[in-house]
Amino acid sequence: MYYNEKRKAITAKYVKTHLDDIKIRVPKGQREKLKAIASEMGMSMNQMFIKTVEEYIEKNYKPETESETD
């Protein structure tokens, strides 16, 4: 499949309706290091960040439980 203007418009519409953007900043030079690590892991930086955040939340997030009153 080749990438043309029609495919570009379809992709843009999908991104606009299904995805949110989050921008992060890293120190100079860190981007390339992270990109290389993600590549070694067989994923994009985006996939690596999402997986990392999800794993961190799963491990560390403890929602306050509602106290039971009897």
PDB file of N, CA and C in Angstrom:
ATOM      1  N   MET A   1       0.850  -1.170   0.000  1.00  0.00           N
ATOM      2  CA  MET A   1       0.000   0.000   0.000  1.00  0.00           C
ATOM      3  C   MET A   1       0.900   1.238   0.000  1.00  0.00           C
ATOM      4  N   TYR A   2       0.574   2.186  -0.783  1.00  0.00           N
ATOM      5  CA  TYR A   2       1.360   3.407  -0.847  1.00  0.00           C
ATOM      6  C   TYR A   2       0.632   4.536  -0.127  1.00  0.00           C
ATOM      7  N   TYR A   3       1.391   5.527   0.262  1.00  0.00           N
ATOM      8  CA  TYR A   3       0.850   6.646   1.029  1.00  0.00           C
ATOM      9  C   TYR A   3       0.562   7.796   0.086  1.00  0.00           C
ATOM     10  N   ASN A   4      -0.701   8.186  -0.008  1.00  0.00           N
ATOM     11  CA  ASN A   4      -1.080   9.295  -0.868  1.00  0.00           C
ATOM     12  C   ASN A   4      -1.924  10.286  -0.074  1.00  0.00           C
ATOM     13  N   GLU A   5      -2.420  11.301  -0.729  1.00  0.00           N
ATOM     14  CA  GLU A   5      -3.191  12.345  -0.040  1.00  0.00           C
ATOM     15  C   GLU A   5      -4.474  11.795   0.585  1.00  0.00           C
ATOM     16  N   LYS A   6      -5.123  10.853  -0.088  1.00  0.00           N
ATOM     17  CA  LYS A   6      -6.351  10.265   0.456  1.00  0.00           C
ATOM     18  C   LYS A   6      -6.045   9.495   1.744  1.00  0.00           C
ATOM     19  N   ARG A   7      -4.990   8.683   1.715  1.00  0.00           N
ATOM     20  CA  ARG A   7      -4.587   7.917   2.903  1.00  0.00           C
ATOM     21  C   ARG A   7      -4.190   8.870   4.028  1.00  0.00           C
ATOM     22  N   LYS A   8      -3.503   9.961   3.679  1.00  0.00           N
ATOM     23  CA  LYS A   8      -3.087  10.957   4.668  1.00  0.00           C
ATOM     24  C   LYS A   8      -4.315  11.573   5.353  1.00  0.00           C
ATOM     25  N   ALA A   9      -5.349  11.883   4.587  1.00  0.00           N
ATOM     26  CA  ALA A   9      -6.574  12.465   5.141  1.00  0.00           C
ATOM     27  C   ALA A   9      -7.291  11.460   6.042  1.00  0.00           C
ATOM     28  N   ILE A  10      -7.327  10.211   5.645  1.00  0.00           N
ATOM     29  CA  ILE A  10      -7.968   9.167   6.458  1.00  0.00           C
ATOM     30  C   ILE A  10      -7.229   9.006   7.785  1.00  0.00           C
ATOM     31  N   THR A  11      -5.906   8.988   7.720  1.00  0.00           N
ATOM     32  CA  THR A  11      -5.101   8.859   8.933  1.00  0.00           C
ATOM     33  C   THR A  11      -5.318  10.056   9.846  1.00  0.00           C
ATOM     34  N   ALA A  12      -5.318  11.256   9.297  1.00  0.00           N
ATOM     35  CA  ALA A  12      -5.524  12.470  10.094  1.00  0.00           C
ATOM     36  C   ALA A  12      -6.885  12.451  10.776  1.00  0.00           C
ATOM     37  N   LYS A  13      -7.918  11.995  10.077  1.00  0.00           N
ATOM     38  CA  LYS A  13      -9.260  11.925  10.660  1.00  0.00           C
ATOM     39  C   LYS A  13      -9.286  10.919  11.804  1.00  0.00           C
ATOM     40  N   TYR A  14      -8.648   9.771  11.620  1.00  0.00           N
ATOM     41  CA  TYR A  14      -8.595   8.758  12.675  1.00  0.00           C
ATOM     42  C   TYR A  14      -7.892   9.315  13.912  1.00  0.00           C
ATOM     43  N   VAL A  15      -6.751   9.940  13.699  1.00  0.00           N
ATOM     44  CA  VAL A  15      -5.988  10.498  14.819  1.00  0.00           C
ATOM     45  C   VAL A  15      -6.826  11.538  15.563  1.00  0.00           C
ATOM     46  N   LYS A  16      -7.499  12.400  14.842  1.00  0.00           N
ATOM     47  CA  LYS A  16      -8.293  13.468  15.452  1.00  0.00           C
ATOM     48  C   LYS A  16      -9.453  12.914  16.281  1.00  0.00           C
ATOM     49  N   THR A  17     -10.071  11.834  15.817  1.00  0.00           N
ATOM     50  CA  THR A  17     -11.257  11.315  16.502  1.00  0.00           C
ATOM     51  C   THR A  17     -10.955  10.255  17.556  1.00  0.00           C
ATOM     52  N   HIS A  18      -9.790   9.617  17.504  1.00  0.00           N
ATOM     53  CA  HIS A  18      -9.525   8.496  18.408  1.00  0.00           C
ATOM     54  C   HIS A  18      -8.349   8.669  19.356  1.00  0.00           C
ATOM     55  N   LEU A  19      -7.528   9.683  19.156  1.00  0.00           N
ATOM     56  CA  LEU A  19      -6.309   9.794  19.945  1.00  0.00           C
ATOM     57  C   LEU A  19      -6.169  11.180  20.575  1.00  0.00           C
ATOM     58  N   ASP A  20      -5.513  11.229  21.721  1.00  0.00           N
ATOM     59  CA  ASP A  20      -5.136  12.480  22.369  1.00  0.00           C
ATOM     60  C   ASP A  20      -3.628  12.620  22.292  1.00  0.00           C
ATOM     61  N   ASP A  21      -3.151  13.849  22.277  1.00  0.00           N
ATOM     62  CA  ASP A  21      -1.718  14.107  22.268  1.00  0.00           C
ATOM     63  C   ASP A  21      -1.248  14.495  23.659  1.00  0.00           C
ATOM     64  N   ILE A  22      -0.081  13.991  24.021  1.00  0.00           N
ATOM     65  CA  ILE A  22       0.606  14.401  25.242  1.00  0.00           C
ATOM     66  C   ILE A  22       2.040  14.696  24.822  1.00  0.00           C
ATOM     67  N   LYS A  23       2.500  15.884  25.119  1.00  0.00           N
ATOM     68  CA  LYS A  23       3.860  16.259  24.735  1.00  0.00           C
ATOM     69  C   LYS A  23       4.748  16.193  25.974  1.00  0.00           C
ATOM     70  N   ILE A  24       5.904  15.567  25.817  1.00  0.00           N
ATOM     71  CA  ILE A  24       6.861  15.543  26.917  1.00  0.00           C
ATOM     72  C   ILE A  24       8.179  16.139  26.434  1.00  0.00           C
ATOM     73  N   ARG A  25       8.929  16.667  27.371  1.00  0.00           N
ATOM     74  CA  ARG A  25      10.231  17.231  27.045  1.00  0.00           C
ATOM     75  C   ARG A  25      11.295  16.456  27.802  1.00  0.00           C
ATOM     76  N   VAL A  26      12.393  16.193  27.116  1.00  0.00           N
ATOM     77  CA  VAL A  26      13.515  15.482  27.720  1.00  0.00           C
ATOM     78  C   VAL A  26      14.781  16.295  27.473  1.00  0.00           C
ATOM     79  N   PRO A  27      15.813  16.081  28.288  1.00  0.00           N
ATOM     80  CA  PRO A  27      17.069  16.804  28.080  1.00  0.00           C
ATOM     81  C   PRO A  27      17.661  16.507  26.697  1.00  0.00           C
ATOM     82  N   LYS A  28      18.403  17.478  26.170  1.00  0.00           N
ATOM     83  CA  LYS A  28      19.061  17.312  24.865  1.00  0.00           C
ATOM     84  C   LYS A  28      19.831  15.998  24.843  1.00  0.00           C
ATOM     85  N   GLY A  29      19.694  15.265  23.751  1.00  0.00           N
ATOM     86  CA  GLY A  29      20.396  14.006  23.574  1.00  0.00           C
ATOM     87  C   GLY A  29      19.633  12.804  24.099  1.00  0.00           C
ATOM     88  N   GLN A  30      18.693  13.019  24.999  1.00  0.00           N
ATOM     89  CA  GLN A  30      17.931  11.917  25.596  1.00  0.00           C
ATOM     90  C   GLN A  30      16.977  11.287  24.590  1.00  0.00           C
ATOM     91  N   ARG A  31      16.454  12.087  23.684  1.00  0.00           N
ATOM     92  CA  ARG A  31      15.484  11.585  22.707  1.00  0.00           C
ATOM     93  C   ARG A  31      16.078  10.451  21.878  1.00  0.00           C
ATOM     94  N   GLU A  32      17.274  10.654  21.365  1.00  0.00           N
ATOM     95  CA  GLU A  32      17.913   9.626  20.543  1.00  0.00           C
ATOM     96  C   GLU A  32      18.215   8.371  21.352  1.00  0.00           C
ATOM     97  N   LYS A  33      18.602   8.558  22.605  1.00  0.00           N
ATOM     98  CA  LYS A  33      18.867   7.411  23.481  1.00  0.00           C
ATOM     99  C   LYS A  33      17.581   6.610  23.697  1.00  0.00           C
ATOM    100  N   LEU A  34      16.482   7.305  23.986  1.00  0.00           N
ATOM    101  CA  LEU A  34      15.201   6.631  24.198  1.00  0.00           C
ATOM    102  C   LEU A  34      14.713   5.948  22.922  1.00  0.00           C
ATOM    103  N   LYS A  35      14.919   6.606  21.797  1.00  0.00           N
ATOM    104  CA  LYS A  35      14.516   6.032  20.515  1.00  0.00           C
ATOM    105  C   LYS A  35      15.273   4.734  20.245  1.00  0.00           C
ATOM    106  N   ALA A  36      16.571   4.727  20.538  1.00  0.00           N
ATOM    107  CA  ALA A  36      17.388   3.529  20.327  1.00  0.00           C
ATOM    108  C   ALA A  36      16.949   2.397  21.260  1.00  0.00           C
ATOM    109  N   ILE A  37      16.668   2.725  22.503  1.00  0.00           N
ATOM    110  CA  ILE A  37      16.218   1.705  23.459  1.00  0.00           C
ATOM    111  C   ILE A  37      14.895   1.104  23.005  1.00  0.00           C
ATOM    112  N   ALA A  38      13.960   1.963  22.615  1.00  0.00           N
ATOM    113  CA  ALA A  38      12.657   1.482  22.138  1.00  0.00           C
ATOM    114  C   ALA A  38      12.843   0.573  20.930  1.00  0.00           C
ATOM    115  N   SER A  39      13.703   0.969  20.018  1.00  0.00           N
ATOM    116  CA  SER A  39      13.958   0.166  18.822  1.00  0.00           C
ATOM    117  C   SER A  39      14.527  -1.203  19.195  1.00  0.00           C
ATOM    118  N   GLU A  40      15.456  -1.229  20.139  1.00  0.00           N
ATOM    119  CA  GLU A  40      16.028  -2.495  20.599  1.00  0.00           C
ATOM    120  C   GLU A  40      14.956  -3.397  21.209  1.00  0.00           C
ATOM    121  N   MET A  41      13.931  -2.762  21.801  1.00  0.00           N
ATOM    122  CA  MET A  41      12.836  -3.515  22.414  1.00  0.00           C
ATOM    123  C   MET A  41      11.772  -3.887  21.389  1.00  0.00           C
ATOM    124  N   GLY A  42      11.969  -3.460  20.141  1.00  0.00           N
ATOM    125  CA  GLY A  42      11.036  -3.803  19.078  1.00  0.00           C
ATOM    126  C   GLY A  42       9.752  -2.999  19.102  1.00  0.00           C
ATOM    127  N   MET A  43       9.842  -1.757  19.575  1.00  0.00           N
ATOM    128  CA  MET A  43       8.649  -0.917  19.615  1.00  0.00           C
ATOM    129  C   MET A  43       9.008   0.532  19.340  1.00  0.00           C
ATOM    130  N   SER A  44       7.987   1.334  19.111  1.00  0.00           N
ATOM    131  CA  SER A  44       8.207   2.762  18.918  1.00  0.00           C
ATOM    132  C   SER A  44       8.360   3.421  20.288  1.00  0.00           C
ATOM    133  N   MET A  45       8.842   4.664  20.286  1.00  0.00           N
ATOM    134  CA  MET A  45       8.938   5.389  21.558  1.00  0.00           C
ATOM    135  C   MET A  45       7.550   5.551  22.166  1.00  0.00           C
ATOM    136  N   ASN A  46       6.568   5.821  21.333  1.00  0.00           N
ATOM    137  CA  ASN A  46       5.204   5.990  21.823  1.00  0.00           C
ATOM    138  C   ASN A  46       4.727   4.724  22.536  1.00  0.00           C
ATOM    139  N   GLN A  47       4.931   3.573  21.901  1.00  0.00           N
ATOM    140  CA  GLN A  47       4.540   2.302  22.525  1.00  0.00           C
ATOM    141  C   GLN A  47       5.285   2.093  23.841  1.00  0.00           C
ATOM    142  N   MET A  48       6.573   2.423  23.847  1.00  0.00           N
ATOM    143  CA  MET A  48       7.374   2.240  25.054  1.00  0.00           C
ATOM    144  C   MET A  48       6.871   3.140  26.185  1.00  0.00           C
ATOM    145  N   PHE A  49       6.562   4.391  25.870  1.00  0.00           N
ATOM    146  CA  PHE A  49       6.074   5.312  26.903  1.00  0.00           C
ATOM    147  C   PHE A  49       4.728   4.854  27.453  1.00  0.00           C
ATOM    148  N   ILE A  50       3.825   4.459  26.576  1.00  0.00           N
ATOM    149  CA  ILE A  50       2.511   4.006  27.031  1.00  0.00           C
ATOM    150  C   ILE A  50       2.645   2.781  27.927  1.00  0.00           C
ATOM    151  N   LYS A  51       3.434   1.806  27.491  1.00  0.00           N
ATOM    152  CA  LYS A  51       3.638   0.587  28.270  1.00  0.00           C
ATOM    153  C   LYS A  51       4.266   0.912  29.628  1.00  0.00           C
ATOM    154  N   THR A  52       5.262   1.784  29.628  1.00  0.00           N
ATOM    155  CA  THR A  52       5.942   2.155  30.862  1.00  0.00           C
ATOM    156  C   THR A  52       4.990   2.834  31.837  1.00  0.00           C
ATOM    157  N   VAL A  53       4.198   3.766  31.353  1.00  0.00           N
ATOM    158  CA  VAL A  53       3.250   4.477  32.219  1.00  0.00           C
ATOM    159  C   VAL A  53       2.196   3.511  32.756  1.00  0.00           C
ATOM    160  N   GLU A  54       1.666   2.650  31.887  1.00  0.00           N
ATOM    161  CA  GLU A  54       0.662   1.683  32.337  1.00  0.00           C
ATOM    162  C   GLU A  54       1.227   0.764  33.412  1.00  0.00           C
ATOM    163  N   GLU A  55       2.457   0.271  33.210  1.00  0.00           N
ATOM    164  CA  GLU A  55       3.078  -0.604  34.204  1.00  0.00           C
ATOM    165  C   GLU A  55       3.339   0.139  35.511  1.00  0.00           C
ATOM    166  N   TYR A  56       3.772   1.387  35.423  1.00  0.00           N
ATOM    167  CA  TYR A  56       4.020   2.185  36.623  1.00  0.00           C
ATOM    168  C   TYR A  56       2.731   2.388  37.413  1.00  0.00           C
ATOM    169  N   ILE A  57       1.672   2.740  36.723  1.00  0.00           N
ATOM    170  CA  ILE A  57       0.383   2.957  37.385  1.00  0.00           C
ATOM    171  C   ILE A  57      -0.106   1.667  38.033  1.00  0.00           C
ATOM    172  N   GLU A  58      -0.021   0.572  37.299  1.00  0.00           N
ATOM    173  CA  GLU A  58      -0.469  -0.717  37.831  1.00  0.00           C
ATOM    174  C   GLU A  58       0.291  -1.077  39.114  1.00  0.00           C
ATOM    175  N   LYS A  59       1.575  -0.796  39.131  1.00  0.00           N
ATOM    176  CA  LYS A  59       2.413  -1.147  40.274  1.00  0.00           C
ATOM    177  C   LYS A  59       2.238  -0.179  41.447  1.00  0.00           C
ATOM    178  N   ASN A  60       2.046   1.111  41.158  1.00  0.00           N
ATOM    179  CA  ASN A  60       2.114   2.126  42.204  1.00  0.00           C
ATOM    180  C   ASN A  60       0.809   2.806  42.580  1.00  0.00           C
ATOM    181  N   TYR A  61      -0.175   2.772  41.724  1.00  0.00           N
ATOM    182  CA  TYR A  61      -1.401   3.511  41.996  1.00  0.00           C
ATOM    183  C   TYR A  61      -2.319   2.693  42.880  1.00  0.00           C
ATOM    184  N   LYS A  62      -2.609   3.227  44.022  1.00  0.00           N
ATOM    185  CA  LYS A  62      -3.515   2.577  44.966  1.00  0.00           C
ATOM    186  C   LYS A  62      -4.663   3.551  45.253  1.00  0.00           C
ATOM    187  N   PRO A  63      -5.770   3.406  44.554  1.00  0.00           N
ATOM    188  CA  PRO A  63      -6.886   4.345  44.778  1.00  0.00           C
ATOM    189  C   PRO A  63      -7.402   4.210  46.210  1.00  0.00           C
ATOM    190  N   GLU A  64      -7.834   5.319  46.709  1.00  0.00           N
ATOM    191  CA  GLU A  64      -8.392   5.297  48.050  1.00  0.00           C
ATOM    192  C   GLU A  64      -9.673   4.477  48.016  1.00  0.00           C
ATOM    193  N   THR A  65      -9.755   3.529  48.923  1.00  0.00           N
ATOM    194  CA  THR A  65     -10.965   2.705  48.986  1.00  0.00           C
ATOM    195  C   THR A  65     -11.980   3.403  49.870  1.00  0.00           C
ATOM    196  N   GLU A  66     -13.227   3.247  49.505  1.00  0.00           N
ATOM    197  CA  GLU A  66     -14.287   3.846  50.318  1.00  0.00           C
ATOM    198  C   GLU A  66     -14.356   3.112  51.643  1.00  0.00           C
ATOM    199  N   SER A  67     -14.367   3.864  52.716  1.00  0.00           N
ATOM    200  CA  SER A  67     -14.451   3.224  54.017  1.00  0.00           C
ATOM    201  C   SER A  67     -15.877   2.729  54.238  1.00  0.00           C
ATOM    202  N   GLU A  68     -15.938   1.517  54.728  1.00  0.00           N
ATOM    203  CA  GLU A  68     -17.255   0.909  54.970  1.00  0.00           C
ATOM    204  C   GLU A  68     -17.774   1.369  56.324  1.00  0.00           C
ATOM    205  N   THR A  69     -19.012   1.773  56.346  1.00  0.00           N
ATOM    206  CA  THR A  69     -19.625   2.146  57.624  1.00  0.00           C
ATOM    207  C   THR A  69     -20.721   1.173  57.941  1.00  0.00           C
ATOM    208  N   ASP A  70     -20.673   0.658  59.149  1.00  0.00           N
ATOM    209  CA  ASP A  70     -21.683  -0.321  59.575  1.00  0.00           C
ATOM    210  C   ASP A  70     -22.633   0.301  60.551  1.00  0.00           C
TER     211      ASP A  70
END
